[in-house]
C-alpha atoms as a PDB file:
ATOM      1  CA  MET A   1     100.219 204.433 169.781  1.00  0.00           C
ATOM      2  CA  SER A   2     100.344 200.680 169.218  1.00  0.00           C
ATOM      3  CA  THR A   3     103.429 198.913 167.937  1.00  0.00           C
ATOM      4  CA  PRO A   4     103.268 195.992 165.465  1.00  0.00           C
ATOM      5  CA  PHE A   5     104.738 192.670 166.536  1.00  0.00           C
ATOM      6  CA  LEU A   6     105.314 189.580 164.422  1.00  0.00           C
ATOM      7  CA  LYS A   7     103.072 186.570 164.742  1.00  0.00           C
ATOM      8  CA  PRO A   8     104.842 183.455 166.102  1.00  0.00           C
ATOM      9  CA  LEU A   9     105.210 181.886 162.634  1.00  0.00           C
ATOM     10  CA  PHE A  10     108.035 184.375 161.950  1.00  0.00           C
ATOM     11  CA  SER A  11     110.162 183.349 164.920  1.00  0.00           C
ATOM     12  CA  PRO A  12     113.902 183.909 164.252  1.00  0.00           C
ATOM     13  CA  ALA A  13     114.356 180.422 165.678  1.00  0.00           C
ATOM     14  CA  ARG A  14     112.530 179.116 162.608  1.00  0.00           C
ATOM     15  CA  PHE A  15     113.403 181.537 159.794  1.00  0.00           C
ATOM     16  CA  ASP A  16     116.398 183.679 158.879  1.00  0.00           C
ATOM     17  CA  ALA A  17     114.970 185.581 155.897  1.00  0.00           C
ATOM     18  CA  VAL A  18     111.770 186.521 154.085  1.00  0.00           C
ATOM     19  CA  LEU A  19     111.872 186.848 150.292  1.00  0.00           C
ATOM     20  CA  PHE A  20     109.198 189.136 148.852  1.00  0.00           C
ATOM     21  CA  ASP A  21     107.906 189.670 145.369  1.00  0.00           C
ATOM     22  CA  LEU A  22     107.640 193.425 144.760  1.00  0.00           C
ATOM     23  CA  ASP A  23     104.728 194.377 142.519  1.00  0.00           C
ATOM     24  CA  GLY A  24     101.387 193.705 144.195  1.00  0.00           C
ATOM     25  CA  VAL A  25     103.069 192.535 147.415  1.00  0.00           C
ATOM     26  CA  ILE A  26     105.026 195.561 148.649  1.00  0.00           C
ATOM     27  CA  THR A  27     104.008 198.153 146.053  1.00  0.00           C
ATOM     28  CA  ALA A  28     100.750 198.719 144.201  1.00  0.00           C
ATOM     29  CA  THR A  29     102.552 198.700 140.844  1.00  0.00           C
ATOM     30  CA  ASP A  30     100.827 195.488 139.717  1.00  0.00           C
ATOM     31  CA  LYS A  31      98.092 197.643 138.170  1.00  0.00           C
ATOM     32  CA  THR A  32     100.699 199.749 136.397  1.00  0.00           C
ATOM     33  CA  HIS A  33     102.274 196.569 135.014  1.00  0.00           C
ATOM     34  CA  PHE A  34      98.882 195.344 133.792  1.00  0.00           C
ATOM     35  CA  THR A  35      98.206 198.616 131.977  1.00  0.00           C
ATOM     36  CA  ALA A  36     101.641 198.516 130.313  1.00  0.00           C
ATOM     37  CA  TRP A  37     101.183 194.901 129.221  1.00  0.00           C
ATOM     38  CA  LYS A  38      97.682 195.602 127.915  1.00  0.00           C
ATOM     39  CA  THR A  39      98.841 198.640 125.944  1.00  0.00           C
ATOM     40  CA  LEU A  40     101.634 196.562 124.411  1.00  0.00           C
ATOM     41  CA  PHE A  41      99.672 193.423 123.580  1.00  0.00           C
ATOM     42  CA  ASP A  42      96.459 195.069 122.376  1.00  0.00           C
ATOM     43  CA  SER A  43      98.420 197.342 120.044  1.00  0.00           C
ATOM     44  CA  TYR A  44     100.479 194.420 118.736  1.00  0.00           C
ATOM     45  CA  LEU A  45      97.501 192.086 118.295  1.00  0.00           C
ATOM     46  CA  GLU A  46      95.449 194.774 116.566  1.00  0.00           C
ATOM     47  CA  ALA A  47      98.271 195.556 114.117  1.00  0.00           C
ATOM     48  CA  ARG A  48      98.884 191.860 113.477  1.00  0.00           C
ATOM     49  CA  GLY A  49      95.162 191.294 112.953  1.00  0.00           C
ATOM     50  CA  ARG A  50      94.999 194.059 110.362  1.00  0.00           C
ATOM     51  CA  ARG A  51      98.023 192.592 108.603  1.00  0.00           C
ATOM     52  CA  GLU A  52      96.459 189.134 108.476  1.00  0.00           C
ATOM     53  CA  GLY A  53      92.889 190.284 107.879  1.00  0.00           C
ATOM     54  CA  LYS A  54      91.709 188.993 111.261  1.00  0.00           C
ATOM     55  CA  GLY A  55      90.207 190.413 114.423  1.00  0.00           C
ATOM     56  CA  PHE A  56      91.805 190.115 117.849  1.00  0.00           C
ATOM     57  CA  HIS A  57      90.879 189.349 121.452  1.00  0.00           C
ATOM     58  CA  PRO A  58      92.227 191.965 123.899  1.00  0.00           C
ATOM     59  CA  PHE A  59      94.635 191.123 126.704  1.00  0.00           C
ATOM     60  CA  SER A  60      92.707 190.489 129.924  1.00  0.00           C
ATOM     61  CA  GLU A  61      93.251 190.322 133.677  1.00  0.00           C
ATOM     62  CA  ASP A  62      92.919 186.531 133.444  1.00  0.00           C
ATOM     63  CA  ASP A  63      95.718 186.504 130.850  1.00  0.00           C
ATOM     64  CA  MET A  64      97.811 188.557 133.243  1.00  0.00           C
ATOM     65  CA  ALA A  65      97.233 186.227 136.190  1.00  0.00           C
ATOM     66  CA  THR A  66      97.744 182.929 134.384  1.00  0.00           C
ATOM     67  CA  LEU A  67     100.255 183.724 131.633  1.00  0.00           C
ATOM     68  CA  VAL A  68     102.350 186.789 132.453  1.00  0.00           C
ATOM     69  CA  ASP A  69     102.376 187.806 136.102  1.00  0.00           C
ATOM     70  CA  GLY A  70     105.672 187.182 137.874  1.00  0.00           C
ATOM     71  CA  LYS A  71     107.583 186.115 134.756  1.00  0.00           C
ATOM     72  CA  LEU A  72     110.586 187.753 133.113  1.00  0.00           C
ATOM     73  CA  ARG A  73     109.431 190.091 130.339  1.00  0.00           C
ATOM     74  CA  HIS A  74     110.457 188.007 127.341  1.00  0.00           C
ATOM     75  CA  GLU A  75     109.066 184.883 129.014  1.00  0.00           C
ATOM     76  CA  GLY A  76     105.771 186.681 129.604  1.00  0.00           C
ATOM     77  CA  VAL A  77     105.673 187.660 125.927  1.00  0.00           C
ATOM     78  CA  ARG A  78     106.377 184.051 124.917  1.00  0.00           C
ATOM     79  CA  SER A  79     103.726 182.680 127.268  1.00  0.00           C
ATOM     80  CA  PHE A  80     100.965 185.060 126.215  1.00  0.00           C
ATOM     81  CA  LEU A  81     101.612 184.982 122.470  1.00  0.00           C
ATOM     82  CA  GLY A  82     101.942 181.201 122.628  1.00  0.00           C
ATOM     83  CA  SER A  83      98.462 181.029 124.167  1.00  0.00           C
ATOM     84  CA  ARG A  84      97.216 182.793 121.023  1.00  0.00           C
ATOM     85  CA  GLY A  85      99.124 180.478 118.712  1.00  0.00           C
ATOM     86  CA  ILE A  86     101.637 183.186 117.782  1.00  0.00           C
ATOM     87  CA  VAL A  87     105.334 182.375 117.426  1.00  0.00           C
ATOM     88  CA  ILE A  88     107.925 185.119 116.907  1.00  0.00           C
ATOM     89  CA  PRO A  89     111.738 185.102 117.130  1.00  0.00           C
ATOM     90  CA  GLU A  90     113.334 185.137 120.573  1.00  0.00           C
ATOM     91  CA  GLY A  91     115.693 187.989 119.722  1.00  0.00           C
ATOM     92  CA  THR A  92     118.288 189.265 122.197  1.00  0.00           C
ATOM     93  CA  PRO A  93     118.153 191.471 125.323  1.00  0.00           C
ATOM     94  CA  GLY A  94     119.509 194.416 123.310  1.00  0.00           C
ATOM     95  CA  ASP A  95     116.689 194.414 120.744  1.00  0.00           C
ATOM     96  CA  ALA A  96     115.153 197.801 119.994  1.00  0.00           C
ATOM     97  CA  GLU A  97     111.836 198.541 121.673  1.00  0.00           C
ATOM     98  CA  GLY A  98     108.853 197.221 119.774  1.00  0.00           C
ATOM     99  CA  ILE A  99     110.539 195.126 117.097  1.00  0.00           C
ATOM    100  CA  GLU A 100     108.783 191.818 116.521  1.00  0.00           C
ATOM    101  CA  THR A 101     110.830 189.611 118.839  1.00  0.00           C
ATOM    102  CA  MET A 102     110.123 188.457 122.368  1.00  0.00           C
ATOM    103  CA  TYR A 103     112.814 190.746 123.753  1.00  0.00           C
ATOM    104  CA  GLY A 104     111.807 193.652 121.491  1.00  0.00           C
ATOM    105  CA  LEU A 105     108.206 193.589 122.674  1.00  0.00           C
ATOM    106  CA  GLY A 106     109.341 193.033 126.253  1.00  0.00           C
ATOM    107  CA  ASN A 107     111.656 196.040 126.071  1.00  0.00           C
ATOM    108  CA  LEU A 108     108.787 198.225 124.856  1.00  0.00           C
ATOM    109  CA  LYS A 109     106.681 197.056 127.778  1.00  0.00           C
ATOM    110  CA  GLY A 110     109.512 198.011 130.113  1.00  0.00           C
ATOM    111  CA  ARG A 111     109.634 201.529 128.736  1.00  0.00           C
ATOM    112  CA  LEU A 112     105.839 201.918 129.008  1.00  0.00           C
ATOM    113  CA  PHE A 113     106.037 200.868 132.657  1.00  0.00           C
ATOM    114  CA  ALA A 114     108.998 203.147 133.421  1.00  0.00           C
ATOM    115  CA  ASP A 115     107.190 206.116 131.841  1.00  0.00           C
ATOM    116  CA  ALA A 116     104.121 205.413 133.971  1.00  0.00           C
ATOM    117  CA  ILE A 117     105.935 205.311 137.304  1.00  0.00           C
ATOM    118  CA  GLN A 118     107.856 208.444 136.334  1.00  0.00           C
ATOM    119  CA  THR A 119     104.604 210.361 135.918  1.00  0.00           C
ATOM    120  CA  GLU A 120     102.391 208.603 138.472  1.00  0.00           C
ATOM    121  CA  GLY A 121     104.849 207.677 141.212  1.00  0.00           C
ATOM    122  CA  VAL A 122     104.695 204.515 143.337  1.00  0.00           C
ATOM    123  CA  THR A 123     102.253 203.620 146.114  1.00  0.00           C
ATOM    124  CA  VAL A 124     103.321 201.211 148.855  1.00  0.00           C
ATOM    125  CA  PHE A 125     101.075 198.996 150.962  1.00  0.00           C
ATOM    126  CA  GLU A 126     101.366 200.206 154.551  1.00  0.00           C
ATOM    127  CA  GLY A 127     100.925 196.690 155.937  1.00  0.00           C
ATOM    128  CA  SER A 128     103.870 195.483 153.877  1.00  0.00           C
ATOM    129  CA  VAL A 129     106.131 198.271 155.105  1.00  0.00           C
ATOM    130  CA  ALA A 130     105.107 197.526 158.704  1.00  0.00           C
ATOM    131  CA  LEU A 131     105.982 193.853 158.201  1.00  0.00           C
ATOM    132  CA  LEU A 132     109.390 194.727 156.712  1.00  0.00           C
ATOM    133  CA  GLU A 133     110.150 196.944 159.690  1.00  0.00           C
ATOM    134  CA  ALA A 134     109.031 194.293 162.189  1.00  0.00           C
ATOM    135  CA  LEU A 135     111.117 191.574 160.512  1.00  0.00           C
ATOM    136  CA  ARG A 136     114.252 193.697 160.481  1.00  0.00           C
ATOM    137  CA  ALA A 137     113.691 194.630 164.128  1.00  0.00           C
ATOM    138  CA  VAL A 138     114.144 190.968 165.144  1.00  0.00           C
ATOM    139  CA  GLY A 139     117.081 190.336 162.815  1.00  0.00           C
ATOM    140  CA  ILE A 140     115.253 188.547 159.977  1.00  0.00           C
ATOM    141  CA  ARG A 141     116.695 189.550 156.601  1.00  0.00           C
ATOM    142  CA  CYS A 142     114.409 190.947 153.902  1.00  0.00           C
ATOM    143  CA  ALA A 143     114.919 190.362 150.183  1.00  0.00           C
ATOM    144  CA  VAL A 144     113.003 191.392 147.082  1.00  0.00           C
ATOM    145  CA  VAL A 145     112.848 188.912 144.213  1.00  0.00           C
ATOM    146  CA  SER A 146     111.255 190.518 141.177  1.00  0.00           C
ATOM    147  CA  SER A 147     111.082 189.681 137.493  1.00  0.00           C
ATOM    148  CA  SER A 148     110.983 193.413 136.747  1.00  0.00           C
ATOM    149  CA  ARG A 149     114.025 195.147 135.292  1.00  0.00           C
ATOM    150  CA  ASN A 150     112.636 198.319 136.901  1.00  0.00           C
ATOM    151  CA  CYS A 151     112.907 196.936 140.436  1.00  0.00           C
ATOM    152  CA  ARG A 152     115.632 199.346 141.576  1.00  0.00           C
ATOM    153  CA  ARG A 153     113.680 202.292 140.140  1.00  0.00           C
ATOM    154  CA  VAL A 154     110.479 201.222 141.909  1.00  0.00           C
ATOM    155  CA  LEU A 155     112.211 200.769 145.273  1.00  0.00           C
ATOM    156  CA  LYS A 156     113.819 204.198 144.960  1.00  0.00           C
ATOM    157  CA  ALA A 157     110.543 205.872 143.972  1.00  0.00           C
ATOM    158  CA  ALA A 158     108.776 204.150 146.867  1.00  0.00           C
ATOM    159  CA  GLY A 159     111.461 205.258 149.326  1.00  0.00           C
ATOM    160  CA  ILE A 160     111.859 201.809 150.889  1.00  0.00           C
ATOM    161  CA  GLY A 161     115.248 200.713 149.608  1.00  0.00           C
ATOM    162  CA  ALA A 162     116.743 200.933 153.113  1.00  0.00           C
ATOM    163  CA  LEU A 163     114.377 198.169 154.286  1.00  0.00           C
ATOM    164  CA  ILE A 164     115.696 195.664 151.736  1.00  0.00           C
ATOM    165  CA  ASP A 165     118.864 193.661 152.439  1.00  0.00           C
ATOM    166  CA  VAL A 166     119.003 191.865 149.069  1.00  0.00           C
ATOM    167  CA  ARG A 167     117.533 192.786 145.687  1.00  0.00           C
ATOM    168  CA  PHE A 168     117.385 190.194 142.898  1.00  0.00           C
ATOM    169  CA  ASP A 169     115.586 191.394 139.776  1.00  0.00           C
ATOM    170  CA  GLY A 170     115.096 190.838 136.076  1.00  0.00           C
ATOM    171  CA  ILE A 171     118.436 192.438 135.242  1.00  0.00           C
ATOM    172  CA  ASN A 172     120.249 189.965 137.497  1.00  0.00           C
ATOM    173  CA  ALA A 173     118.271 187.011 136.138  1.00  0.00           C
ATOM    174  CA  THR A 174     118.937 187.908 132.505  1.00  0.00           C
ATOM    175  CA  GLY A 175     122.622 188.556 133.188  1.00  0.00           C
ATOM    176  CA  MET A 176     122.968 185.113 134.773  1.00  0.00           C
ATOM    177  CA  ASN A 177     120.832 183.395 132.114  1.00  0.00           C
ATOM    178  CA  LEU A 178     118.430 182.194 134.789  1.00  0.00           C
ATOM    179  CA  VAL A 179     114.938 181.015 133.965  1.00  0.00           C
ATOM    180  CA  GLY A 180     112.255 183.088 135.672  1.00  0.00           C
ATOM    181  CA  LYS A 181     109.266 182.067 137.765  1.00  0.00           C
ATOM    182  CA  PRO A 182     107.671 179.480 138.048  1.00  0.00           C
ATOM    183  CA  ASN A 183     111.189 178.010 137.947  1.00  0.00           C
ATOM    184  CA  PRO A 184     112.697 178.512 141.434  1.00  0.00           C
ATOM    185  CA  ASP A 185     116.148 179.641 140.254  1.00  0.00           C
ATOM    186  CA  THR A 186     115.705 183.358 140.979  1.00  0.00           C
ATOM    187  CA  TYR A 187     114.441 182.672 144.488  1.00  0.00           C
ATOM    188  CA  LEU A 188     117.204 180.175 145.141  1.00  0.00           C
ATOM    189  CA  LYS A 189     119.854 182.649 143.979  1.00  0.00           C
ATOM    190  CA  ALA A 190     118.341 185.402 146.149  1.00  0.00           C
ATOM    191  CA  ALA A 191     118.425 183.056 149.152  1.00  0.00           C
ATOM    192  CA  GLU A 192     122.085 182.324 148.387  1.00  0.00           C
ATOM    193  CA  TRP A 193     122.832 186.060 148.227  1.00  0.00           C
ATOM    194  CA  ALA A 194     121.047 186.503 151.554  1.00  0.00           C
ATOM    195  CA  GLY A 195     123.167 183.730 153.046  1.00  0.00           C
ATOM    196  CA  VAL A 196     120.234 181.495 153.998  1.00  0.00           C
ATOM    197  CA  GLU A 197     119.080 177.983 153.223  1.00  0.00           C
ATOM    198  CA  PRO A 198     115.702 177.732 151.435  1.00  0.00           C
ATOM    199  CA  ALA A 199     114.229 175.700 154.306  1.00  0.00           C
ATOM    200  CA  ARG A 200     115.031 178.641 156.626  1.00  0.00           C
ATOM    201  CA  ALA A 201     113.364 181.226 154.378  1.00  0.00           C
ATOM    202  CA  VAL A 202     109.826 182.396 153.605  1.00  0.00           C
ATOM    203  CA  VAL A 203     108.526 183.337 150.141  1.00  0.00           C
ATOM    204  CA  VAL A 204     105.745 185.952 149.898  1.00  0.00           C
ATOM    205  CA  GLU A 205     104.055 186.176 146.489  1.00  0.00           C
ATOM    206  CA  ASP A 206     100.879 187.399 144.798  1.00  0.00           C
ATOM    207  CA  ALA A 207     101.579 185.674 141.465  1.00  0.00           C
ATOM    208  CA  ILE A 208     100.637 182.075 140.753  1.00  0.00           C
ATOM    209  CA  SER A 209     104.005 181.565 139.048  1.00  0.00           C
ATOM    210  CA  GLY A 210     105.791 183.003 142.072  1.00  0.00           C
ATOM    211  CA  VAL A 211     104.020 180.697 144.505  1.00  0.00           C
ATOM    212  CA  GLN A 212     104.921 177.773 142.256  1.00  0.00           C
ATOM    213  CA  ALA A 213     108.549 178.912 142.325  1.00  0.00           C
ATOM    214  CA  GLY A 214     108.559 179.074 146.115  1.00  0.00           C
ATOM    215  CA  ARG A 215     107.090 175.613 146.415  1.00  0.00           C
ATOM    216  CA  ALA A 216     109.458 174.129 143.815  1.00  0.00           C
ATOM    217  CA  GLY A 217     112.440 175.679 145.591  1.00  0.00           C
ATOM    218  CA  GLY A 218     111.764 173.857 148.843  1.00  0.00           C
ATOM    219  CA  PHE A 219     111.267 177.011 150.900  1.00  0.00           C
ATOM    220  CA  GLY A 220     110.174 176.653 154.501  1.00  0.00           C
ATOM    221  CA  LEU A 221     106.947 178.624 154.087  1.00  0.00           C
ATOM    222  CA  VAL A 222     105.143 180.026 151.041  1.00  0.00           C
ATOM    223  CA  ILE A 223     102.610 182.799 151.656  1.00  0.00           C
ATOM    224  CA  GLY A 224     100.196 183.914 148.960  1.00  0.00           C
ATOM    225  CA  VAL A 225      98.879 187.485 148.908  1.00  0.00           C
ATOM    226  CA  ASP A 226      95.416 187.709 147.383  1.00  0.00           C
ATOM    227  CA  ARG A 227      94.454 191.235 146.417  1.00  0.00           C
ATOM    228  CA  THR A 228      92.508 190.223 143.289  1.00  0.00           C
ATOM    229  CA  GLY A 229      90.337 187.250 144.302  1.00  0.00           C
ATOM    230  CA  ILE A 230      92.640 184.369 143.304  1.00  0.00           C
ATOM    231  CA  ALA A 231      93.084 182.788 146.752  1.00  0.00           C
ATOM    232  CA  GLY A 232      92.043 179.352 145.493  1.00  0.00           C
ATOM    233  CA  ALA A 233      94.515 179.460 142.629  1.00  0.00           C
ATOM    234  CA  LEU A 234      97.309 180.520 144.973  1.00  0.00           C
ATOM    235  CA  ARG A 235      96.552 177.592 147.289  1.00  0.00           C
ATOM    236  CA  ASP A 236      96.401 175.220 144.327  1.00  0.00           C
ATOM    237  CA  ALA A 237      99.808 176.536 143.220  1.00  0.00           C
ATOM    238  CA  GLY A 238     101.294 175.567 146.572  1.00  0.00           C
ATOM    239  CA  ALA A 239     100.752 178.424 149.040  1.00  0.00           C
ATOM    240  CA  ASP A 240     100.809 177.231 152.649  1.00  0.00           C
ATOM    241  CA  MET A 241      98.590 180.144 153.603  1.00  0.00           C
ATOM    242  CA  VAL A 242      96.903 183.077 151.858  1.00  0.00           C
ATOM    243  CA  VAL A 243      96.332 186.572 153.259  1.00  0.00           C
ATOM    244  CA  ARG A 244      94.638 189.640 151.835  1.00  0.00           C
ATOM    245  CA  ASP A 245      97.214 192.037 153.248  1.00  0.00           C
ATOM    246  CA  LEU A 246     100.533 191.553 154.996  1.00  0.00           C
ATOM    247  CA  ASP A 247      99.321 193.321 158.122  1.00  0.00           C
ATOM    248  CA  GLU A 248      97.498 190.051 158.847  1.00  0.00           C
ATOM    249  CA  LEU A 249     100.927 188.666 159.745  1.00  0.00           C
ATOM    250  CA  LEU A 250     101.371 191.208 162.539  1.00  0.00           C
ATOM    251  CA  LEU A 251     100.055 191.377 166.066  1.00  0.00           C
ATOM    252  CA  GLU A 252      99.053 194.722 167.554  1.00  0.00           C
ATOM    253  CA  GLU A 253     100.254 195.272 171.089  1.00  0.00           C
ATOM    254  CA  ALA A 254      99.973 198.440 173.128  1.00  0.00           C
END
């Protein structure tokens, strides 16, 4: 049986930590997030259209990639509705699910996502798990930086929590009043928690906003993961390199 080894770019002499986005990078929950967002937004837009005597344009994969992906829930709601010329109150994190505020709609999306992973489970990308194991084997710390408030639940369902040294998620960001991606604050705080300087850390992201955050934060290397055909957009956002799967960052040696 062959054993995976890291490519030279991950030398411990160069980097002390790798900071990963979760959904779409380590786990295949990006599709589950899209379905939850689409259910939320299409239902809301349809109801609003009926109220105002107008039609509506459904939420799309392009909307997900350019307006929502990687952002904190309420910021994703603000971004998408703003693109449709819709302004609603900000609300507060404790708003009831579904009320017409940014937090209320975001909280409903969170429940839709949590229900889905409860019934469907979580799939992990084998190449990502192999990379986590290889990094830890040479003493490079591994962190997850996610906008999701369900991050802990996803890691537990995926059975990979033991591979993660630091978890910084949407609950942490909201509690600290941090702005989410593409602002670099969540990545910078995760690097601080991991005890590393940004220049000595790698960011691995599949979201345009996440790549922008890594670049803005002055991280030593920003890797884009293209599973949906947006390699050009990831490079334009600041990715130093783009891969289709994280096993491309491993060498196979007998």
